[in-house]
Amino acid sequence: MKKILFIALLMALLVVSCNSKSKSTESSNSEKTEMGTKKYSCPMHPEVQGKLDDKCSKCGMKLNVEVK
């Protein structure tokens, strides 16, 4: 009887520890996607916004100024 309780406790501990690892992986993935959605603007025309290294529609310069 003691062996069965010990094994059940071990299995429960294993399930809980595996679940906590998957939660930490999800949070790191959301940080990566959050970083990918930043907007940048043209140094000469701040009203033109887009992704990093897109080109300005007015002057053709790369968008490299981060919009806050």
C-alpha atoms as a PDB file:
ATOM      1  CA  MET A   1       0.000   0.000   0.000  1.00  0.00           C
ATOM      2  CA  LYS A   2       2.855   2.380   0.843  1.00  0.00           C
ATOM      3  CA  LYS A   3       4.494   1.660  -2.528  1.00  0.00           C
ATOM      4  CA  ILE A   4       1.299   2.547  -4.407  1.00  0.00           C
ATOM      5  CA  LEU A   5       0.967   5.882  -2.567  1.00  0.00           C
ATOM      6  CA  PHE A   6       4.643   6.662  -3.173  1.00  0.00           C
ATOM      7  CA  ILE A   7       4.340   5.909  -6.904  1.00  0.00           C
ATOM      8  CA  ALA A   8       1.148   7.987  -7.174  1.00  0.00           C
ATOM      9  CA  LEU A   9       2.874  10.916  -5.459  1.00  0.00           C
ATOM     10  CA  LEU A  10       5.852  10.605  -7.796  1.00  0.00           C
ATOM     11  CA  MET A  11       3.611  10.553 -10.872  1.00  0.00           C
ATOM     12  CA  ALA A  12       1.706  13.642  -9.683  1.00  0.00           C
ATOM     13  CA  LEU A  13       4.993  15.477  -9.112  1.00  0.00           C
ATOM     14  CA  LEU A  14       6.180  14.532 -12.585  1.00  0.00           C
ATOM     15  CA  VAL A  15       2.994  15.818 -14.241  1.00  0.00           C
ATOM     16  CA  VAL A  16       3.162  19.140 -12.364  1.00  0.00           C
ATOM     17  CA  SER A  17       6.820  19.715 -13.225  1.00  0.00           C
ATOM     18  CA  CYS A  18       6.259  19.010 -16.929  1.00  0.00           C
ATOM     19  CA  ASN A  19       3.347  21.437 -17.017  1.00  0.00           C
ATOM     20  CA  SER A  20       5.425  24.281 -15.544  1.00  0.00           C
ATOM     21  CA  LYS A  21       8.089  23.885 -18.275  1.00  0.00           C
ATOM     22  CA  SER A  22       5.536  24.310 -21.051  1.00  0.00           C
ATOM     23  CA  LYS A  23       4.257  27.533 -19.455  1.00  0.00           C
ATOM     24  CA  SER A  24       7.754  29.056 -19.423  1.00  0.00           C
ATOM     25  CA  THR A  25       8.180  28.159 -23.101  1.00  0.00           C
ATOM     26  CA  GLU A  26       4.918  29.912 -23.972  1.00  0.00           C
ATOM     27  CA  SER A  27       6.024  33.137 -22.283  1.00  0.00           C
ATOM     28  CA  SER A  28       9.340  33.211 -24.159  1.00  0.00           C
ATOM     29  CA  ASN A  29       7.500  32.660 -27.450  1.00  0.00           C
ATOM     30  CA  SER A  30       5.170  35.585 -26.749  1.00  0.00           C
ATOM     31  CA  GLU A  31       8.176  37.825 -26.072  1.00  0.00           C
ATOM     32  CA  LYS A  32       9.614  36.916 -29.471  1.00  0.00           C
ATOM     33  CA  THR A  33       6.393  37.768 -31.277  1.00  0.00           C
ATOM     34  CA  GLU A  34       6.084  40.990 -29.314  1.00  0.00           C
ATOM     35  CA  MET A  35       9.547  42.043 -30.467  1.00  0.00           C
ATOM     36  CA  GLY A  36       8.617  41.313 -34.082  1.00  0.00           C
ATOM     37  CA  THR A  37       5.666  43.759 -34.035  1.00  0.00           C
ATOM     38  CA  LYS A  38       7.689  46.915 -33.358  1.00  0.00           C
ATOM     39  CA  LYS A  39       7.179  49.793 -35.756  1.00  0.00           C
ATOM     40  CA  TYR A  40       9.881  51.952 -37.255  1.00  0.00           C
ATOM     41  CA  SER A  41       9.788  55.305 -39.024  1.00  0.00           C
ATOM     42  CA  CYS A  42      11.847  57.180 -41.577  1.00  0.00           C
ATOM     43  CA  PRO A  43      14.499  59.548 -40.149  1.00  0.00           C
ATOM     44  CA  MET A  44      13.371  62.278 -42.576  1.00  0.00           C
ATOM     45  CA  HIS A  45       9.606  61.581 -42.568  1.00  0.00           C
ATOM     46  CA  PRO A  46       8.418  60.348 -39.127  1.00  0.00           C
ATOM     47  CA  GLU A  47       4.832  60.003 -40.380  1.00  0.00           C
ATOM     48  CA  VAL A  48       5.898  57.110 -42.644  1.00  0.00           C
ATOM     49  CA  GLN A  49       5.908  53.957 -40.505  1.00  0.00           C
ATOM     50  CA  GLY A  50       6.483  50.262 -41.133  1.00  0.00           C
ATOM     51  CA  LYS A  51       8.700  47.283 -40.339  1.00  0.00           C
ATOM     52  CA  LEU A  52      12.450  47.486 -39.824  1.00  0.00           C
ATOM     53  CA  ASP A  53      14.372  48.044 -43.073  1.00  0.00           C
ATOM     54  CA  ASP A  54      11.242  48.785 -45.132  1.00  0.00           C
ATOM     55  CA  LYS A  55      11.711  51.744 -47.469  1.00  0.00           C
ATOM     56  CA  CYS A  56      10.142  55.171 -47.030  1.00  0.00           C
ATOM     57  CA  SER A  57       7.489  55.856 -49.660  1.00  0.00           C
ATOM     58  CA  LYS A  58       8.608  59.498 -49.939  1.00  0.00           C
ATOM     59  CA  CYS A  59      12.414  59.371 -50.090  1.00  0.00           C
ATOM     60  CA  GLY A  60      13.384  55.673 -50.289  1.00  0.00           C
ATOM     61  CA  MET A  61      15.459  55.611 -47.079  1.00  0.00           C
ATOM     62  CA  LYS A  62      15.306  52.564 -44.808  1.00  0.00           C
ATOM     63  CA  LEU A  63      12.948  52.782 -41.829  1.00  0.00           C
ATOM     64  CA  ASN A  64      15.250  52.462 -38.806  1.00  0.00           C
ATOM     65  CA  VAL A  65      13.934  54.851 -36.106  1.00  0.00           C
ATOM     66  CA  GLU A  66      11.904  52.934 -33.516  1.00  0.00           C
ATOM     67  CA  VAL A  67       8.423  54.353 -32.845  1.00  0.00           C
ATOM     68  CA  LYS A  68       7.488  54.418 -29.170  1.00  0.00           C
END
